Full PDB file with SEQRES, HELIX, SHEET, SSBOND, CRYST1, ORIGX, SCALE, CONECT and MASTER records, all heavy atoms in Angstrom:
SEQRES   1 A   31  PRO GLY LYS GLN ARG GLU LEU VAL THR ASN ILE SER SER          
SEQRES   2 A   31  GLY GLY ARG ALA ASN TYR VAL ASP SER VAL LYS GLY ARG          
SEQRES   3 A   31  PHE THR ILE SER ARG                                          
HELIX    1 AA1 ASP A   21  VAL A   23  5                                   3    
SHEET    1 AA1 2 THR A   9  ILE A  11  0                                        
SHEET    2 AA1 2 ALA A  17  TYR A  19 -1                                        
CRYST1    1.000    1.000    1.000  90.00  90.00  90.00 P 1           1          
ORIGX1      1.000000  0.000000  0.000000        0.00000                         
ORIGX2      0.000000  1.000000  0.000000        0.00000                         
ORIGX3      0.000000  0.000000  1.000000        0.00000                         
SCALE1      1.000000  0.000000  0.000000        0.00000                         
SCALE2      0.000000  1.000000  0.000000        0.00000                         
SCALE3      0.000000  0.000000  1.000000        0.00000                         
ATOM      1  N   PRO A   1      -1.808  -8.840  51.052  1.00  0.00           N  
ATOM      2  CA  PRO A   1      -3.270  -8.921  51.005  1.00  0.00           C  
ATOM      3  C   PRO A   1      -3.846  -9.555  52.264  1.00  0.00           C  
ATOM      4  O   PRO A   1      -3.383 -10.605  52.715  1.00  0.00           O  
ATOM      5  CB  PRO A   1      -3.531  -9.795  49.776  1.00  0.00           C  
ATOM      6  CG  PRO A   1      -2.343  -9.567  48.904  1.00  0.00           C  
ATOM      7  CD  PRO A   1      -1.189  -9.433  49.858  1.00  0.00           C  
ATOM      8  N   GLY A   2      -4.841  -8.909  52.854  1.00  0.00           N  
ATOM      9  CA  GLY A   2      -5.494  -9.428  54.042  1.00  0.00           C  
ATOM     10  C   GLY A   2      -4.744  -9.215  55.331  1.00  0.00           C  
ATOM     11  O   GLY A   2      -5.204  -9.664  56.386  1.00  0.00           O  
ATOM     12  N   LYS A   3      -3.602  -8.552  55.281  1.00  0.00           N  
ATOM     13  CA  LYS A   3      -2.801  -8.316  56.473  1.00  0.00           C  
ATOM     14  C   LYS A   3      -2.626  -6.824  56.718  1.00  0.00           C  
ATOM     15  O   LYS A   3      -2.794  -6.006  55.814  1.00  0.00           O  
ATOM     16  CB  LYS A   3      -1.433  -8.982  56.349  1.00  0.00           C  
ATOM     17  CG  LYS A   3      -1.481 -10.493  56.269  1.00  0.00           C  
ATOM     18  CD  LYS A   3      -0.083 -11.083  56.274  1.00  0.00           C  
ATOM     19  CE  LYS A   3      -0.120 -12.594  56.264  1.00  0.00           C  
ATOM     20  NZ  LYS A   3       1.253 -13.177  56.281  1.00  0.00           N  
ATOM     21  N   GLN A   4      -2.295  -6.481  57.958  1.00  0.00           N  
ATOM     22  CA  GLN A   4      -2.037  -5.097  58.307  1.00  0.00           C  
ATOM     23  C   GLN A   4      -0.667  -4.659  57.796  1.00  0.00           C  
ATOM     24  O   GLN A   4       0.236  -5.475  57.620  1.00  0.00           O  
ATOM     25  CB  GLN A   4      -2.112  -4.895  59.821  1.00  0.00           C  
ATOM     26  CG  GLN A   4      -3.505  -5.078  60.403  1.00  0.00           C  
ATOM     27  CD  GLN A   4      -3.567  -4.683  61.861  1.00  0.00           C  
ATOM     28  OE1 GLN A   4      -2.599  -4.854  62.596  1.00  0.00           O  
ATOM     29  NE2 GLN A   4      -4.703  -4.144  62.271  1.00  0.00           N  
ATOM     30  N   ARG A   5      -0.537  -3.367  57.572  1.00  0.00           N  
ATOM     31  CA  ARG A   5       0.744  -2.817  57.196  1.00  0.00           C  
ATOM     32  C   ARG A   5       1.718  -2.939  58.360  1.00  0.00           C  
ATOM     33  O   ARG A   5       1.362  -2.648  59.506  1.00  0.00           O  
ATOM     34  CB  ARG A   5       0.585  -1.352  56.781  1.00  0.00           C  
ATOM     35  CG  ARG A   5       1.840  -0.730  56.221  1.00  0.00           C  
ATOM     36  CD  ARG A   5       1.588   0.684  55.710  1.00  0.00           C  
ATOM     37  NE  ARG A   5       0.597   0.708  54.648  1.00  0.00           N  
ATOM     38  CZ  ARG A   5       0.314   1.779  53.913  1.00  0.00           C  
ATOM     39  NH1 ARG A   5       0.965   2.921  54.125  1.00  0.00           N  
ATOM     40  NH2 ARG A   5      -0.611   1.716  52.982  1.00  0.00           N  
ATOM     41  N   GLU A   6       2.938  -3.378  58.071  1.00  0.00           N  
ATOM     42  CA  GLU A   6       3.934  -3.539  59.115  1.00  0.00           C  
ATOM     43  C   GLU A   6       5.203  -2.783  58.760  1.00  0.00           C  
ATOM     44  O   GLU A   6       5.564  -2.647  57.589  1.00  0.00           O  
ATOM     45  CB  GLU A   6       4.267  -5.020  59.346  1.00  0.00           C  
ATOM     46  CG  GLU A   6       5.004  -5.689  58.198  1.00  0.00           C  
ATOM     47  CD  GLU A   6       5.579  -7.051  58.556  1.00  0.00           C  
ATOM     48  OE1 GLU A   6       5.698  -7.376  59.751  1.00  0.00           O  
ATOM     49  OE2 GLU A   6       5.918  -7.810  57.614  1.00  0.00           O  
ATOM     50  N   LEU A   7       5.867  -2.314  59.794  1.00  0.00           N  
ATOM     51  CA  LEU A   7       7.172  -1.692  59.617  1.00  0.00           C  
ATOM     52  C   LEU A   7       8.198  -2.782  59.361  1.00  0.00           C  
ATOM     53  O   LEU A   7       8.353  -3.704  60.164  1.00  0.00           O  
ATOM     54  CB  LEU A   7       7.557  -0.888  60.856  1.00  0.00           C  
ATOM     55  CG  LEU A   7       8.969  -0.295  60.871  1.00  0.00           C  
ATOM     56  CD1 LEU A   7       9.133   0.747  59.772  1.00  0.00           C  
ATOM     57  CD2 LEU A   7       9.278   0.310  62.231  1.00  0.00           C  
ATOM     58  N   VAL A   8       8.913  -2.670  58.243  1.00  0.00           N  
ATOM     59  CA  VAL A   8       9.964  -3.615  57.900  1.00  0.00           C  
ATOM     60  C   VAL A   8      11.295  -3.144  58.456  1.00  0.00           C  
ATOM     61  O   VAL A   8      12.030  -3.901  59.094  1.00  0.00           O  
ATOM     62  CB  VAL A   8      10.062  -3.800  56.377  1.00  0.00           C  
ATOM     63  CG1 VAL A   8      11.184  -4.775  56.022  1.00  0.00           C  
ATOM     64  CG2 VAL A   8       8.732  -4.286  55.810  1.00  0.00           C  
ATOM     65  N   THR A   9      11.620  -1.891  58.200  1.00  0.00           N  
ATOM     66  CA  THR A   9      12.890  -1.318  58.621  1.00  0.00           C  
ATOM     67  C   THR A   9      12.809   0.193  58.565  1.00  0.00           C  
ATOM     68  O   THR A   9      12.015   0.754  57.808  1.00  0.00           O  
ATOM     69  CB  THR A   9      14.041  -1.815  57.713  1.00  0.00           C  
ATOM     70  OG1 THR A   9      15.278  -1.216  58.101  1.00  0.00           O  
ATOM     71  CG2 THR A   9      13.758  -1.485  56.245  1.00  0.00           C  
ATOM     72  N   ASN A  10      13.622   0.849  59.375  1.00  0.00           N  
ATOM     73  CA  ASN A  10      13.790   2.283  59.235  1.00  0.00           C  
ATOM     74  C   ASN A  10      15.212   2.667  59.593  1.00  0.00           C  
ATOM     75  O   ASN A  10      15.971   1.872  60.151  1.00  0.00           O  
ATOM     76  CB  ASN A  10      12.760   3.089  60.032  1.00  0.00           C  
ATOM     77  CG  ASN A  10      12.826   2.873  61.532  1.00  0.00           C  
ATOM     78  OD1 ASN A  10      13.782   2.309  62.070  1.00  0.00           O  
ATOM     79  ND2 ASN A  10      11.788   3.328  62.231  1.00  0.00           N  
ATOM     80  N   ILE A  11      15.550   3.901  59.241  1.00  0.00           N  
ATOM     81  CA  ILE A  11      16.891   4.407  59.489  1.00  0.00           C  
ATOM     82  C   ILE A  11      16.768   5.861  59.926  1.00  0.00           C  
ATOM     83  O   ILE A  11      16.087   6.665  59.297  1.00  0.00           O  
ATOM     84  CB  ILE A  11      17.788   4.247  58.240  1.00  0.00           C  
ATOM     85  CG1 ILE A  11      19.221   4.704  58.525  1.00  0.00           C  
ATOM     86  CG2 ILE A  11      17.200   4.978  57.029  1.00  0.00           C  
ATOM     87  CD1 ILE A  11      20.212   4.270  57.438  1.00  0.00           C  
ATOM     88  N   SER A  12      17.415   6.189  61.022  1.00  0.00           N  
ATOM     89  CA  SER A  12      17.308   7.519  61.586  1.00  0.00           C  
ATOM     90  C   SER A  12      18.174   8.504  60.822  1.00  0.00           C  
ATOM     91  O   SER A  12      18.986   8.133  59.969  1.00  0.00           O  
ATOM     92  CB  SER A  12      17.724   7.499  63.057  1.00  0.00           C  
ATOM     93  OG  SER A  12      19.127   7.340  63.168  1.00  0.00           O  
ATOM     94  N   SER A  13      17.995   9.775  61.149  1.00  0.00           N  
ATOM     95  CA  SER A  13      18.831  10.802  60.538  1.00  0.00           C  
ATOM     96  C   SER A  13      20.305  10.586  60.854  1.00  0.00           C  
ATOM     97  O   SER A  13      21.164  11.003  60.079  1.00  0.00           O  
ATOM     98  CB  SER A  13      18.387  12.192  61.003  1.00  0.00           C  
ATOM     99  OG  SER A  13      18.519  12.330  62.407  1.00  0.00           O  
ATOM    100  N   GLY A  14      20.598   9.936  61.972  1.00  0.00           N  
ATOM    101  CA  GLY A  14      21.962   9.626  62.348  1.00  0.00           C  
ATOM    102  C   GLY A  14      22.496   8.327  61.789  1.00  0.00           C  
ATOM    103  O   GLY A  14      23.647   7.970  62.066  1.00  0.00           O  
ATOM    104  N   GLY A  15      21.680   7.598  61.039  1.00  0.00           N  
ATOM    105  CA  GLY A  15      22.136   6.391  60.380  1.00  0.00           C  
ATOM    106  C   GLY A  15      21.897   5.097  61.131  1.00  0.00           C  
ATOM    107  O   GLY A  15      22.369   4.038  60.692  1.00  0.00           O  
ATOM    108  N   ARG A  16      21.183   5.138  62.248  1.00  0.00           N  
ATOM    109  CA  ARG A  16      20.871   3.908  62.973  1.00  0.00           C  
ATOM    110  C   ARG A  16      19.688   3.207  62.343  1.00  0.00           C  
ATOM    111  O   ARG A  16      18.663   3.824  62.084  1.00  0.00           O  
ATOM    112  CB  ARG A  16      20.581   4.203  64.437  1.00  0.00           C  
ATOM    113  CG  ARG A  16      21.801   4.632  65.227  1.00  0.00           C  
ATOM    114  CD  ARG A  16      21.476   4.737  66.702  1.00  0.00           C  
ATOM    115  NE  ARG A  16      21.086   3.457  67.261  1.00  0.00           N  
ATOM    116  CZ  ARG A  16      21.873   2.658  67.964  1.00  0.00           C  
ATOM    117  NH1 ARG A  16      23.132   3.018  68.200  1.00  0.00           N  
ATOM    118  NH2 ARG A  16      21.422   1.520  68.441  1.00  0.00           N  
ATOM    119  N   ALA A  17      19.829   1.906  62.127  1.00  0.00           N  
ATOM    120  CA  ALA A  17      18.811   1.124  61.449  1.00  0.00           C  
ATOM    121  C   ALA A  17      18.161   0.114  62.379  1.00  0.00           C  
ATOM    122  O   ALA A  17      18.799  -0.424  63.286  1.00  0.00           O  
ATOM    123  CB  ALA A  17      19.415   0.397  60.249  1.00  0.00           C  
ATOM    124  N   ASN A  18      16.887  -0.156  62.148  1.00  0.00           N  
ATOM    125  CA  ASN A  18      16.119  -1.172  62.862  1.00  0.00           C  
ATOM    126  C   ASN A  18      15.432  -2.062  61.848  1.00  0.00           C  
ATOM    127  O   ASN A  18      15.052  -1.604  60.766  1.00  0.00           O  
ATOM    128  CB  ASN A  18      15.065  -0.529  63.767  1.00  0.00           C  
ATOM    129  CG  ASN A  18      15.659   0.415  64.775  1.00  0.00           C  
ATOM    130  OD1 ASN A  18      16.297  -0.009  65.726  1.00  0.00           O  
ATOM    131  ND2 ASN A  18      15.473   1.714  64.561  1.00  0.00           N  
ATOM    132  N   TYR A  19      15.243  -3.338  62.212  1.00  0.00           N  
ATOM    133  CA  TYR A  19      14.618  -4.301  61.317  1.00  0.00           C  
ATOM    134  C   TYR A  19      13.637  -5.169  62.074  1.00  0.00           C  
ATOM    135  O   TYR A  19      13.877  -5.551  63.225  1.00  0.00           O  
ATOM    136  CB  TYR A  19      15.651  -5.220  60.665  1.00  0.00           C  
ATOM    137  CG  TYR A  19      16.701  -4.509  59.855  1.00  0.00           C  
ATOM    138  CD1 TYR A  19      17.886  -4.086  60.435  1.00  0.00           C  
ATOM    139  CD2 TYR A  19      16.503  -4.273  58.498  1.00  0.00           C  
ATOM    140  CE1 TYR A  19      18.854  -3.434  59.688  1.00  0.00           C  
ATOM    141  CE2 TYR A  19      17.464  -3.625  57.743  1.00  0.00           C  
ATOM    142  CZ  TYR A  19      18.641  -3.206  58.348  1.00  0.00           C  
ATOM    143  OH  TYR A  19      19.596  -2.564  57.593  1.00  0.00           O  
ATOM    144  N   VAL A  20      12.538  -5.514  61.416  1.00  0.00           N  
ATOM    145  CA  VAL A  20      11.652  -6.520  61.967  1.00  0.00           C  
ATOM    146  C   VAL A  20      12.390  -7.867  61.933  1.00  0.00           C  
ATOM    147  O   VAL A  20      13.225  -8.118  61.053  1.00  0.00           O  
ATOM    148  CB  VAL A  20      10.333  -6.572  61.171  1.00  0.00           C  
ATOM    149  CG1 VAL A  20      10.554  -7.089  59.763  1.00  0.00           C  
ATOM    150  CG2 VAL A  20       9.282  -7.375  61.901  1.00  0.00           C  
ATOM    151  N   ASP A  21      12.113  -8.722  62.924  1.00  0.00           N  
ATOM    152  CA  ASP A  21      12.867  -9.966  63.059  1.00  0.00           C  
ATOM    153  C   ASP A  21      12.857 -10.820  61.799  1.00  0.00           C  
ATOM    154  O   ASP A  21      13.850 -11.481  61.475  1.00  0.00           O  
ATOM    155  CB  ASP A  21      12.330 -10.786  64.226  1.00  0.00           C  
ATOM    156  CG  ASP A  21      12.728 -10.230  65.577  1.00  0.00           C  
ATOM    157  OD1 ASP A  21      13.647  -9.394  65.643  1.00  0.00           O  
ATOM    158  OD2 ASP A  21      12.119 -10.647  66.580  1.00  0.00           O  
ATOM    159  N   SER A  22      11.760 -10.821  61.073  1.00  0.00           N  
ATOM    160  CA  SER A  22      11.621 -11.697  59.927  1.00  0.00           C  
ATOM    161  C   SER A  22      12.551 -11.368  58.765  1.00  0.00           C  
ATOM    162  O   SER A  22      12.741 -12.197  57.873  1.00  0.00           O  
ATOM    163  CB  SER A  22      10.172 -11.698  59.427  1.00  0.00           C  
ATOM    164  OG  SER A  22       9.772 -10.399  59.041  1.00  0.00           O  
ATOM    165  N   VAL A  23      13.149 -10.175  58.759  1.00  0.00           N  
ATOM    166  CA  VAL A  23      14.033  -9.799  57.656  1.00  0.00           C  
ATOM    167  C   VAL A  23      15.470  -9.584  58.099  1.00  0.00           C  
ATOM    168  O   VAL A  23      16.337  -9.323  57.246  1.00  0.00           O  
ATOM    169  CB  VAL A  23      13.532  -8.539  56.918  1.00  0.00           C  
ATOM    170  CG1 VAL A  23      12.065  -8.688  56.536  1.00  0.00           C  
ATOM    171  CG2 VAL A  23      13.754  -7.277  57.744  1.00  0.00           C  
ATOM    172  N   LYS A  24      15.750  -9.710  59.376  1.00  0.00           N  
ATOM    173  CA  LYS A  24      17.111  -9.503  59.861  1.00  0.00           C  
ATOM    174  C   LYS A  24      18.080 -10.466  59.191  1.00  0.00           C  
ATOM    175  O   LYS A  24      17.818 -11.658  59.087  1.00  0.00           O  
ATOM    176  CB  LYS A  24      17.173  -9.669  61.380  1.00  0.00           C  
ATOM    177  CG  LYS A  24      16.566  -8.520  62.146  1.00  0.00           C  
ATOM    178  CD  LYS A  24      16.683  -8.724  63.655  1.00  0.00           C  
ATOM    179  CE  LYS A  24      16.103  -7.545  64.410  1.00  0.00           C  
ATOM    180  NZ  LYS A  24      16.149  -7.747  65.878  1.00  0.00           N  
ATOM    181  N   GLY A  25      19.190  -9.926  58.733  1.00  0.00           N  
ATOM    182  CA  GLY A  25      20.188 -10.717  58.049  1.00  0.00           C  
ATOM    183  C   GLY A  25      19.960 -10.858  56.569  1.00  0.00           C  
ATOM    184  O   GLY A  25      20.854 -11.327  55.852  1.00  0.00           O  
ATOM    185  N   ARG A  26      18.784 -10.472  56.087  1.00  0.00           N  
ATOM    186  CA  ARG A  26      18.462 -10.565  54.666  1.00  0.00           C  
ATOM    187  C   ARG A  26      18.283  -9.214  53.997  1.00  0.00           C  
ATOM    188  O   ARG A  26      18.632  -9.048  52.827  1.00  0.00           O  
ATOM    189  CB  ARG A  26      17.188 -11.393  54.464  1.00  0.00           C  
ATOM    190  CG  ARG A  26      17.284 -12.818  54.991  1.00  0.00           C  
ATOM    191  CD  ARG A  26      16.070 -13.645  54.581  1.00  0.00           C  
ATOM    192  NE  ARG A  26      14.824 -13.108  55.129  1.00  0.00           N  
ATOM    193  CZ  ARG A  26      13.794 -12.697  54.391  1.00  0.00           C  
ATOM    194  NH1 ARG A  26      13.852 -12.766  53.064  1.00  0.00           N  
ATOM    195  NH2 ARG A  26      12.694 -12.237  54.978  1.00  0.00           N  
ATOM    196  N   PHE A  27      17.714  -8.253  54.723  1.00  0.00           N  
ATOM    197  CA  PHE A  27      17.442  -6.932  54.171  1.00  0.00           C  
ATOM    198  C   PHE A  27      18.398  -5.911  54.771  1.00  0.00           C  
ATOM    199  O   PHE A  27      18.787  -6.016  55.938  1.00  0.00           O  
ATOM    200  CB  PHE A  27      16.017  -6.483  54.495  1.00  0.00           C  
ATOM    201  CG  PHE A  27      14.925  -7.230  53.783  1.00  0.00           C  
ATOM    202  CD1 PHE A  27      15.170  -8.394  53.071  1.00  0.00           C  
ATOM    203  CD2 PHE A  27      13.626  -6.748  53.837  1.00  0.00           C  
ATOM    204  CE1 PHE A  27      14.147  -9.077  52.428  1.00  0.00           C  
ATOM    205  CE2 PHE A  27      12.593  -7.416  53.196  1.00  0.00           C  
ATOM    206  CZ  PHE A  27      12.853  -8.577  52.496  1.00  0.00           C  
ATOM    207  N   THR A  28      18.741  -4.902  53.978  1.00  0.00           N  
ATOM    208  CA  THR A  28      19.582  -3.812  54.441  1.00  0.00           C  
ATOM    209  C   THR A  28      19.011  -2.487  53.961  1.00  0.00           C  
ATOM    210  O   THR A  28      18.783  -2.310  52.762  1.00  0.00           O  
ATOM    211  CB  THR A  28      21.026  -3.948  53.937  1.00  0.00           C  
ATOM    212  OG1 THR A  28      21.564  -5.208  54.338  1.00  0.00           O  
ATOM    213  CG2 THR A  28      21.892  -2.829  54.505  1.00  0.00           C  
ATOM    214  N   ILE A  29      18.782  -1.572  54.892  1.00  0.00           N  
ATOM    215  CA  ILE A  29      18.339  -0.232  54.540  1.00  0.00           C  
ATOM    216  C   ILE A  29      19.550   0.697  54.533  1.00  0.00           C  
ATOM    217  O   ILE A  29      20.466   0.547  55.345  1.00  0.00           O  
ATOM    218  CB  ILE A  29      17.254   0.284  55.513  1.00  0.00           C  
ATOM    219  CG1 ILE A  29      16.639   1.596  55.009  1.00  0.00           C  
ATOM    220  CG2 ILE A  29      17.802   0.443  56.923  1.00  0.00           C  
ATOM    221  CD1 ILE A  29      15.414   2.049  55.806  1.00  0.00           C  
ATOM    222  N   SER A  30      19.552   1.636  53.608  1.00  0.00           N  
ATOM    223  CA  SER A  30      20.611   2.626  53.551  1.00  0.00           C  
ATOM    224  C   SER A  30      20.043   3.926  53.016  1.00  0.00           C  
ATOM    225  O   SER A  30      18.955   3.952  52.435  1.00  0.00           O  
ATOM    226  CB  SER A  30      21.782   2.147  52.683  1.00  0.00           C  
ATOM    227  OG  SER A  30      21.371   1.922  51.345  1.00  0.00           O  
ATOM    228  N   ARG A  31      20.771   5.007  53.234  1.00  0.00           N  
ATOM    229  CA  ARG A  31      20.313   6.298  52.740  1.00  0.00           C  
ATOM    230  C   ARG A  31      21.475   7.067  52.153  1.00  0.00           C  
ATOM    231  O   ARG A  31      22.623   6.943  52.597  1.00  0.00           O  
ATOM    232  CB  ARG A  31      19.631   7.113  53.856  1.00  0.00           C  
ATOM    233  CG  ARG A  31      20.543   7.513  55.011  1.00  0.00           C  
ATOM    234  CD  ARG A  31      19.723   8.074  56.185  1.00  0.00           C  
ATOM    235  NE  ARG A  31      19.008   9.283  55.815  1.00  0.00           N  
ATOM    236  CZ  ARG A  31      17.954   9.760  56.475  1.00  0.00           C  
ATOM    237  NH1 ARG A  31      17.491   9.113  57.543  1.00  0.00           N  
ATOM    238  NH2 ARG A  31      17.367  10.873  56.063  1.00  0.00           N  
TER     239      ARG A  31                                                      
MASTER        0    0    0    1    2    0    0    6  238    1    0    3          
END                                                                             
């Protein structure tokens, strides 16, 4: 609430993942 939408993480078609610094080490994306 009151904040802009931010990218947390994504994963490419090849399986490479990126994370915003605030969630690194805590969140894991998978497909």
